[in-house]
Structures are given as C-alpha cells and as structure tokens.
Amino acid sequence: MSGIIAMISTDFIINRIFTFRNTQVMIDRDLAELYQVLVKRLNEQVKRNEERFPESFRFQLTEKEKNELVANCDRFQSLKYSSV
C-alpha cells in the first residue's frame, strides 16, 4: 500500500487539508480515498481501535463547521443533508 500512497501528488494531499479550530484536518472520505478503503470501514476501525488513534486524530466537525465545508467545497455537497 505504501507504493500507492507514494505515487499520490503533494497537491492532492494539500488540497484535502482543512483548518478548523486552528487544527489541520482531513475529512474521513478523503482519508479513505487516500488509503483506498471504504469510509465506513475507516470509521469502523477508528471506533474499534480508539487506543491506536489519538484524540487529535478523531476530530468531529460541528454542524456549523460542516455547513461551512459544504458551502466552500462543491465536492462535499452530499454532506449537506448528512448527520454530523
């Protein structure tokens, strides 16, 4: 898998980093795309292995932050009606 990640451009990753509450974060669907797994599976693994994922890794957007993300990034339109 590391070979796949090595081929991804720096711009691809940089364009998927957002800043909320003075913290740089990546949205779960972008991480799942990066690691080529389903979003559902990524989130399941985080929940099942909380000791392996530090609190800072498990950043949860507020409703206001989610709405800001949707308003600023067309590719997140599908989040508009999803629960946080």
PDB file of N, CA and C in Angstrom:
ATOM      1  N   MET A   1       0.820  -1.194   0.000  1.00  0.00           N
ATOM      2  CA  MET A   1       0.000   0.000   0.000  1.00  0.00           C
ATOM      3  C   MET A   1       0.861   1.254   0.000  1.00  0.00           C
ATOM      4  N   SER A   2       2.029   1.218   0.618  1.00  0.00           N
ATOM      5  CA  SER A   2       2.859   2.417   0.682  1.00  0.00           C
ATOM      6  C   SER A   2       3.288   2.874  -0.712  1.00  0.00           C
ATOM      7  N   GLY A   3       3.431   1.947  -1.663  1.00  0.00           N
ATOM      8  CA  GLY A   3       3.772   2.312  -3.028  1.00  0.00           C
ATOM      9  C   GLY A   3       2.680   3.138  -3.675  1.00  0.00           C
ATOM     10  N   ILE A   4       1.446   2.807  -3.395  1.00  0.00           N
ATOM     11  CA  ILE A   4       0.305   3.551  -3.935  1.00  0.00           C
ATOM     12  C   ILE A   4       0.312   4.958  -3.373  1.00  0.00           C
ATOM     13  N   ILE A   5       0.497   5.081  -2.080  1.00  0.00           N
ATOM     14  CA  ILE A   5       0.489   6.390  -1.442  1.00  0.00           C
ATOM     15  C   ILE A   5       1.659   7.231  -1.946  1.00  0.00           C
ATOM     16  N   ALA A   6       2.806   6.627  -2.202  1.00  0.00           N
ATOM     17  CA  ALA A   6       3.975   7.356  -2.676  1.00  0.00           C
ATOM     18  C   ALA A   6       3.721   8.006  -4.033  1.00  0.00           C
ATOM     19  N   MET A   7       2.817   7.448  -4.833  1.00  0.00           N
ATOM     20  CA  MET A   7       2.543   7.982  -6.160  1.00  0.00           C
ATOM     21  C   MET A   7       1.566   9.156  -6.138  1.00  0.00           C
ATOM     22  N   ILE A   8       0.936   9.412  -5.026  1.00  0.00           N
ATOM     23  CA  ILE A   8      -0.034  10.497  -4.921  1.00  0.00           C
ATOM     24  C   ILE A   8       0.718  11.819  -4.805  1.00  0.00           C
ATOM     25  N   SER A   9       0.266  12.804  -5.544  1.00  0.00           N
ATOM     26  CA  SER A   9       0.964  14.087  -5.547  1.00  0.00           C
ATOM     27  C   SER A   9       0.765  14.846  -4.242  1.00  0.00           C
ATOM     28  N   THR A  10       1.718  15.681  -3.962  1.00  0.00           N
ATOM     29  CA  THR A  10       1.649  16.533  -2.773  1.00  0.00           C
ATOM     30  C   THR A  10       0.437  17.448  -2.860  1.00  0.00           C
ATOM     31  N   ASP A  11       0.150  17.965  -4.047  1.00  0.00           N
ATOM     32  CA  ASP A  11      -1.011  18.843  -4.230  1.00  0.00           C
ATOM     33  C   ASP A  11      -2.310  18.132  -3.881  1.00  0.00           C
ATOM     34  N   PHE A  12      -2.410  16.862  -4.234  1.00  0.00           N
ATOM     35  CA  PHE A  12      -3.604  16.076  -3.916  1.00  0.00           C
ATOM     36  C   PHE A  12      -3.856  16.114  -2.418  1.00  0.00           C
ATOM     37  N   ILE A  13      -2.810  15.910  -1.642  1.00  0.00           N
ATOM     38  CA  ILE A  13      -2.949  15.883  -0.182  1.00  0.00           C
ATOM     39  C   ILE A  13      -3.174  17.286   0.371  1.00  0.00           C
ATOM     40  N   ILE A  14      -2.386  18.240  -0.081  1.00  0.00           N
ATOM     41  CA  ILE A  14      -2.513  19.617   0.415  1.00  0.00           C
ATOM     42  C   ILE A  14      -3.913  20.160   0.187  1.00  0.00           C
ATOM     43  N   ASN A  15      -4.501  19.853  -0.953  1.00  0.00           N
ATOM     44  CA  ASN A  15      -5.847  20.343  -1.279  1.00  0.00           C
ATOM     45  C   ASN A  15      -6.940  19.670  -0.459  1.00  0.00           C
ATOM     46  N   ARG A  16      -6.599  18.677   0.327  1.00  0.00           N
ATOM     47  CA  ARG A  16      -7.577  17.977   1.145  1.00  0.00           C
ATOM     48  C   ARG A  16      -7.387  18.237   2.638  1.00  0.00           C
ATOM     49  N   ILE A  17      -6.522  19.172   2.948  1.00  0.00           N
ATOM     50  CA  ILE A  17      -6.308  19.556   4.345  1.00  0.00           C
ATOM     51  C   ILE A  17      -7.069  20.846   4.612  1.00  0.00           C
ATOM     52  N   PHE A  18      -7.886  20.823   5.645  1.00  0.00           N
ATOM     53  CA  PHE A  18      -8.687  21.979   6.039  1.00  0.00           C
ATOM     54  C   PHE A  18      -8.293  22.384   7.451  1.00  0.00           C
ATOM     55  N   THR A  19      -8.530  23.640   7.786  1.00  0.00           N
ATOM     56  CA  THR A  19      -8.238  24.112   9.131  1.00  0.00           C
ATOM     57  C   THR A  19      -9.547  24.470   9.827  1.00  0.00           C
ATOM     58  N   PHE A  20      -9.794  23.797  10.930  1.00  0.00           N
ATOM     59  CA  PHE A  20     -10.931  24.075  11.788  1.00  0.00           C
ATOM     60  C   PHE A  20     -10.414  24.181  13.213  1.00  0.00           C
ATOM     61  N   ARG A  21     -10.852  25.209  13.917  1.00  0.00           N
ATOM     62  CA  ARG A  21     -10.428  25.416  15.315  1.00  0.00           C
ATOM     63  C   ARG A  21      -8.900  25.401  15.440  1.00  0.00           C
ATOM     64  N   ASN A  22      -8.242  26.044  14.496  1.00  0.00           N
ATOM     65  CA  ASN A  22      -6.771  26.123  14.480  1.00  0.00           C
ATOM     66  C   ASN A  22      -6.103  24.750  14.415  1.00  0.00           C
ATOM     67  N   THR A  23      -6.804  23.768  13.872  1.00  0.00           N
ATOM     68  CA  THR A  23      -6.265  22.419  13.727  1.00  0.00           C
ATOM     69  C   THR A  23      -6.401  21.995  12.274  1.00  0.00           C
ATOM     70  N   GLN A  24      -5.319  21.485  11.707  1.00  0.00           N
ATOM     71  CA  GLN A  24      -5.381  20.986  10.341  1.00  0.00           C
ATOM     72  C   GLN A  24      -5.964  19.584  10.362  1.00  0.00           C
ATOM     73  N   VAL A  25      -6.977  19.359   9.529  1.00  0.00           N
ATOM     74  CA  VAL A  25      -7.669  18.068   9.494  1.00  0.00           C
ATOM     75  C   VAL A  25      -7.902  17.616   8.063  1.00  0.00           C
ATOM     76  N   MET A  26      -8.112  16.311   7.914  1.00  0.00           N
ATOM     77  CA  MET A  26      -8.575  15.741   6.651  1.00  0.00           C
ATOM     78  C   MET A  26      -9.918  15.070   6.937  1.00  0.00           C
ATOM     79  N   ILE A  27     -10.820  15.208   6.012  1.00  0.00           N
ATOM     80  CA  ILE A  27     -12.146  14.615   6.138  1.00  0.00           C
ATOM     81  C   ILE A  27     -12.032  13.105   5.912  1.00  0.00           C
ATOM     82  N   ASP A  28     -12.850  12.343   6.629  1.00  0.00           N
ATOM     83  CA  ASP A  28     -12.757  10.884   6.564  1.00  0.00           C
ATOM     84  C   ASP A  28     -12.858  10.343   5.146  1.00  0.00           C
ATOM     85  N   ARG A  29     -13.691  10.923   4.315  1.00  0.00           N
ATOM     86  CA  ARG A  29     -13.814  10.405   2.940  1.00  0.00           C
ATOM     87  C   ARG A  29     -12.532  10.629   2.146  1.00  0.00           C
ATOM     88  N   ASP A  30     -11.795  11.704   2.454  1.00  0.00           N
ATOM     89  CA  ASP A  30     -10.515  11.931   1.779  1.00  0.00           C
ATOM     90  C   ASP A  30      -9.459  10.947   2.263  1.00  0.00           C
ATOM     91  N   LEU A  31      -9.434  10.670   3.550  1.00  0.00           N
ATOM     92  CA  LEU A  31      -8.502   9.667   4.081  1.00  0.00           C
ATOM     93  C   LEU A  31      -8.808   8.293   3.500  1.00  0.00           C
ATOM     94  N   ALA A  32     -10.087   7.958   3.418  1.00  0.00           N
ATOM     95  CA  ALA A  32     -10.476   6.668   2.854  1.00  0.00           C
ATOM     96  C   ALA A  32     -10.035   6.568   1.395  1.00  0.00           C
ATOM     97  N   GLU A  33     -10.208   7.647   0.653  1.00  0.00           N
ATOM     98  CA  GLU A  33      -9.764   7.658  -0.745  1.00  0.00           C
ATOM     99  C   GLU A  33      -8.249   7.486  -0.822  1.00  0.00           C
ATOM    100  N   LEU A  34      -7.534   8.175   0.034  1.00  0.00           N
ATOM    101  CA  LEU A  34      -6.080   8.101   0.062  1.00  0.00           C
ATOM    102  C   LEU A  34      -5.591   6.673   0.317  1.00  0.00           C
ATOM    103  N   TYR A  35      -6.242   5.994   1.261  1.00  0.00           N
ATOM    104  CA  TYR A  35      -5.844   4.626   1.615  1.00  0.00           C
ATOM    105  C   TYR A  35      -6.617   3.553   0.849  1.00  0.00           C
ATOM    106  N   GLN A  36      -7.482   3.993  -0.054  1.00  0.00           N
ATOM    107  CA  GLN A  36      -8.268   3.093  -0.903  1.00  0.00           C
ATOM    108  C   GLN A  36      -9.090   2.093  -0.102  1.00  0.00           C
ATOM    109  N   VAL A  37      -9.842   2.627   0.864  1.00  0.00           N
ATOM    110  CA  VAL A  37     -10.775   1.826   1.660  1.00  0.00           C
ATOM    111  C   VAL A  37     -12.114   2.556   1.683  1.00  0.00           C
ATOM    112  N   LEU A  38     -13.150   1.848   2.067  1.00  0.00           N
ATOM    113  CA  LEU A  38     -14.457   2.481   2.211  1.00  0.00           C
ATOM    114  C   LEU A  38     -14.470   3.372   3.445  1.00  0.00           C
ATOM    115  N   VAL A  39     -15.184   4.492   3.365  1.00  0.00           N
ATOM    116  CA  VAL A  39     -15.293   5.416   4.501  1.00  0.00           C
ATOM    117  C   VAL A  39     -15.848   4.675   5.715  1.00  0.00           C
ATOM    118  N   LYS A  40     -16.849   3.854   5.472  1.00  0.00           N
ATOM    119  CA  LYS A  40     -17.477   3.080   6.548  1.00  0.00           C
ATOM    120  C   LYS A  40     -16.438   2.213   7.259  1.00  0.00           C
ATOM    121  N   ARG A  41     -15.578   1.568   6.514  1.00  0.00           N
ATOM    122  CA  ARG A  41     -14.553   0.692   7.116  1.00  0.00           C
ATOM    123  C   ARG A  41     -13.520   1.494   7.890  1.00  0.00           C
ATOM    124  N   LEU A  42     -13.115   2.642   7.349  1.00  0.00           N
ATOM    125  CA  LEU A  42     -12.167   3.507   8.052  1.00  0.00           C
ATOM    126  C   LEU A  42     -12.739   3.915   9.409  1.00  0.00           C
ATOM    127  N   ASN A  43     -13.979   4.382   9.413  1.00  0.00           N
ATOM    128  CA  ASN A  43     -14.611   4.822  10.660  1.00  0.00           C
ATOM    129  C   ASN A  43     -14.821   3.662  11.634  1.00  0.00           C
ATOM    130  N   GLU A  44     -15.135   2.485  11.120  1.00  0.00           N
ATOM    131  CA  GLU A  44     -15.273   1.309  11.982  1.00  0.00           C
ATOM    132  C   GLU A  44     -13.957   1.003  12.692  1.00  0.00           C
ATOM    133  N   GLN A  45     -12.857   1.048  11.941  1.00  0.00           N
ATOM    134  CA  GLN A  45     -11.552   0.743  12.521  1.00  0.00           C
ATOM    135  C   GLN A  45     -11.150   1.763  13.584  1.00  0.00           C
ATOM    136  N   VAL A  46     -11.474   3.016  13.351  1.00  0.00           N
ATOM    137  CA  VAL A  46     -11.166   4.045  14.351  1.00  0.00           C
ATOM    138  C   VAL A  46     -11.962   3.771  15.625  1.00  0.00           C
ATOM    139  N   LYS A  47     -13.252   3.460  15.491  1.00  0.00           N
ATOM    140  CA  LYS A  47     -14.091   3.188  16.665  1.00  0.00           C
ATOM    141  C   LYS A  47     -13.643   1.934  17.408  1.00  0.00           C
ATOM    142  N   ARG A  48     -13.245   0.915  16.674  1.00  0.00           N
ATOM    143  CA  ARG A  48     -12.840  -0.352  17.299  1.00  0.00           C
ATOM    144  C   ARG A  48     -11.447  -0.284  17.928  1.00  0.00           C
ATOM    145  N   ASN A  49     -10.645   0.650  17.499  1.00  0.00           N
ATOM    146  CA  ASN A  49      -9.245   0.732  17.937  1.00  0.00           C
ATOM    147  C   ASN A  49      -8.911   2.121  18.459  1.00  0.00           C
ATOM    148  N   GLU A  50      -9.744   2.659  19.316  1.00  0.00           N
ATOM    149  CA  GLU A  50      -9.547   4.031  19.803  1.00  0.00           C
ATOM    150  C   GLU A  50      -8.175   4.241  20.428  1.00  0.00           C
ATOM    151  N   GLU A  51      -7.616   3.206  21.046  1.00  0.00           N
ATOM    152  CA  GLU A  51      -6.293   3.348  21.672  1.00  0.00           C
ATOM    153  C   GLU A  51      -5.189   3.571  20.641  1.00  0.00           C
ATOM    154  N   ARG A  52      -5.432   3.166  19.406  1.00  0.00           N
ATOM    155  CA  ARG A  52      -4.427   3.335  18.341  1.00  0.00           C
ATOM    156  C   ARG A  52      -4.550   4.679  17.634  1.00  0.00           C
ATOM    157  N   PHE A  53      -5.668   5.358  17.842  1.00  0.00           N
ATOM    158  CA  PHE A  53      -5.912   6.636  17.191  1.00  0.00           C
ATOM    159  C   PHE A  53      -6.045   7.718  18.264  1.00  0.00           C
ATOM    160  N   PRO A  54      -5.090   8.620  18.354  1.00  0.00           N
ATOM    161  CA  PRO A  54      -5.142   9.652  19.395  1.00  0.00           C
ATOM    162  C   PRO A  54      -6.369  10.548  19.244  1.00  0.00           C
ATOM    163  N   GLU A  55      -6.725  11.190  20.312  1.00  0.00           N
ATOM    164  CA  GLU A  55      -7.892  12.086  20.326  1.00  0.00           C
ATOM    165  C   GLU A  55      -7.822  13.097  19.178  1.00  0.00           C
ATOM    166  N   SER A  56      -6.647  13.607  18.902  1.00  0.00           N
ATOM    167  CA  SER A  56      -6.496  14.603  17.838  1.00  0.00           C
ATOM    168  C   SER A  56      -6.793  14.021  16.457  1.00  0.00           C
ATOM    169  N   PHE A  57      -6.675  12.714  16.307  1.00  0.00           N
ATOM    170  CA  PHE A  57      -6.987  12.058  15.034  1.00  0.00           C
ATOM    171  C   PHE A  57      -8.501  12.002  14.821  1.00  0.00           C
ATOM    172  N   ARG A  58      -9.244  11.922  15.906  1.00  0.00           N
ATOM    173  CA  ARG A  58     -10.697  11.736  15.840  1.00  0.00           C
ATOM    174  C   ARG A  58     -11.425  13.070  15.972  1.00  0.00           C
ATOM    175  N   PHE A  59     -11.151  13.972  15.101  1.00  0.00           N
ATOM    176  CA  PHE A  59     -11.721  15.315  15.097  1.00  0.00           C
ATOM    177  C   PHE A  59     -13.144  15.243  14.554  1.00  0.00           C
ATOM    178  N   GLN A  60     -14.106  15.813  15.272  1.00  0.00           N
ATOM    179  CA  GLN A  60     -15.510  15.801  14.842  1.00  0.00           C
ATOM    180  C   GLN A  60     -15.953  17.225  14.519  1.00  0.00           C
ATOM    181  N   LEU A  61     -16.422  17.435  13.295  1.00  0.00           N
ATOM    182  CA  LEU A  61     -16.922  18.749  12.907  1.00  0.00           C
ATOM    183  C   LEU A  61     -18.252  19.042  13.596  1.00  0.00           C
ATOM    184  N   THR A  62     -18.459  20.306  13.940  1.00  0.00           N
ATOM    185  CA  THR A  62     -19.761  20.734  14.436  1.00  0.00           C
ATOM    186  C   THR A  62     -20.675  20.899  13.218  1.00  0.00           C
ATOM    187  N   GLU A  63     -21.941  21.079  13.460  1.00  0.00           N
ATOM    188  CA  GLU A  63     -22.895  21.302  12.369  1.00  0.00           C
ATOM    189  C   GLU A  63     -22.514  22.567  11.591  1.00  0.00           C
ATOM    190  N   LYS A  64     -22.129  23.614  12.298  1.00  0.00           N
ATOM    191  CA  LYS A  64     -21.727  24.871  11.650  1.00  0.00           C
ATOM    192  C   LYS A  64     -20.489  24.664  10.778  1.00  0.00           C
ATOM    193  N   GLU A  65     -19.504  23.925  11.273  1.00  0.00           N
ATOM    194  CA  GLU A  65     -18.292  23.652  10.506  1.00  0.00           C
ATOM    195  C   GLU A  65     -18.598  22.812   9.271  1.00  0.00           C
ATOM    196  N   LYS A  66     -19.470  21.831   9.433  1.00  0.00           N
ATOM    197  CA  LYS A  66     -19.854  21.001   8.287  1.00  0.00           C
ATOM    198  C   LYS A  66     -20.532  21.861   7.218  1.00  0.00           C
ATOM    199  N   ASN A  67     -21.419  22.747   7.639  1.00  0.00           N
ATOM    200  CA  ASN A  67     -22.103  23.625   6.685  1.00  0.00           C
ATOM    201  C   ASN A  67     -21.119  24.555   5.977  1.00  0.00           C
ATOM    202  N   GLU A  68     -20.107  25.027   6.702  1.00  0.00           N
ATOM    203  CA  GLU A  68     -19.071  25.868   6.109  1.00  0.00           C
ATOM    204  C   GLU A  68     -18.283  25.082   5.053  1.00  0.00           C
ATOM    205  N   LEU A  69     -17.957  23.843   5.361  1.00  0.00           N
ATOM    206  CA  LEU A  69     -17.229  22.988   4.430  1.00  0.00           C
ATOM    207  C   LEU A  69     -18.052  22.757   3.164  1.00  0.00           C
ATOM    208  N   VAL A  70     -19.323  22.458   3.321  1.00  0.00           N
ATOM    209  CA  VAL A  70     -20.213  22.215   2.183  1.00  0.00           C
ATOM    210  C   VAL A  70     -20.347  23.484   1.333  1.00  0.00           C
ATOM    211  N   ALA A  71     -20.453  24.630   1.990  1.00  0.00           N
ATOM    212  CA  ALA A  71     -20.612  25.894   1.266  1.00  0.00           C
ATOM    213  C   ALA A  71     -19.365  26.253   0.470  1.00  0.00           C
ATOM    214  N   ASN A  72     -18.199  25.872   0.977  1.00  0.00           N
ATOM    215  CA  ASN A  72     -16.944  26.258   0.333  1.00  0.00           C
ATOM    216  C   ASN A  72     -16.382  25.221  -0.627  1.00  0.00           C
ATOM    217  N   CYS A  73     -16.854  23.999  -0.564  1.00  0.00           N
ATOM    218  CA  CYS A  73     -16.295  22.928  -1.401  1.00  0.00           C
ATOM    219  C   CYS A  73     -17.425  22.142  -2.053  1.00  0.00           C
ATOM    220  N   ASP A  74     -17.582  22.335  -3.340  1.00  0.00           N
ATOM    221  CA  ASP A  74     -18.656  21.660  -4.071  1.00  0.00           C
ATOM    222  C   ASP A  74     -18.612  20.144  -3.929  1.00  0.00           C
ATOM    223  N   ARG A  75     -17.422  19.582  -3.807  1.00  0.00           N
ATOM    224  CA  ARG A  75     -17.327  18.125  -3.748  1.00  0.00           C
ATOM    225  C   ARG A  75     -17.916  17.538  -2.461  1.00  0.00           C
ATOM    226  N   PHE A  76     -18.281  18.389  -1.517  1.00  0.00           N
ATOM    227  CA  PHE A  76     -18.900  17.904  -0.276  1.00  0.00           C
ATOM    228  C   PHE A  76     -20.405  18.160  -0.228  1.00  0.00           C
ATOM    229  N   GLN A  77     -21.017  18.471  -1.368  1.00  0.00           N
ATOM    230  CA  GLN A  77     -22.462  18.710  -1.410  1.00  0.00           C
ATOM    231  C   GLN A  77     -23.270  17.575  -0.800  1.00  0.00           C
ATOM    232  N   SER A  78     -22.785  16.341  -0.979  1.00  0.00           N
ATOM    233  CA  SER A  78     -23.524  15.197  -0.454  1.00  0.00           C
ATOM    234  C   SER A  78     -23.573  15.186   1.074  1.00  0.00           C
ATOM    235  N   LEU A  79     -22.722  15.962   1.731  1.00  0.00           N
ATOM    236  CA  LEU A  79     -22.745  16.056   3.196  1.00  0.00           C
ATOM    237  C   LEU A  79     -23.831  16.995   3.699  1.00  0.00           C
ATOM    238  N   LYS A  80     -24.391  17.771   2.794  1.00  0.00           N
ATOM    239  CA  LYS A  80     -25.342  18.815   3.181  1.00  0.00           C
ATOM    240  C   LYS A  80     -26.465  18.274   4.047  1.00  0.00           C
ATOM    241  N   TYR A  81     -26.951  17.097   3.745  1.00  0.00           N
ATOM    242  CA  TYR A  81     -28.088  16.562   4.490  1.00  0.00           C
ATOM    243  C   TYR A  81     -27.703  15.376   5.375  1.00  0.00           C
ATOM    244  N   SER A  82     -26.415  15.137   5.531  1.00  0.00           N
ATOM    245  CA  SER A  82     -25.991  14.021   6.390  1.00  0.00           C
ATOM    246  C   SER A  82     -25.859  14.489   7.829  1.00  0.00           C
ATOM    247  N   SER A  83     -25.940  13.552   8.756  1.00  0.00           N
ATOM    248  CA  SER A  83     -25.756  13.903  10.157  1.00  0.00           C
ATOM    249  C   SER A  83     -24.268  14.064  10.424  1.00  0.00           C
ATOM    250  N   VAL A  84     -23.927  14.866  11.411  1.00  0.00           N
ATOM    251  CA  VAL A  84     -22.517  15.125  11.733  1.00  0.00           C
ATOM    252  C   VAL A  84     -21.913  13.908  12.395  1.00  0.00           C
TER     253      VAL A  84
END
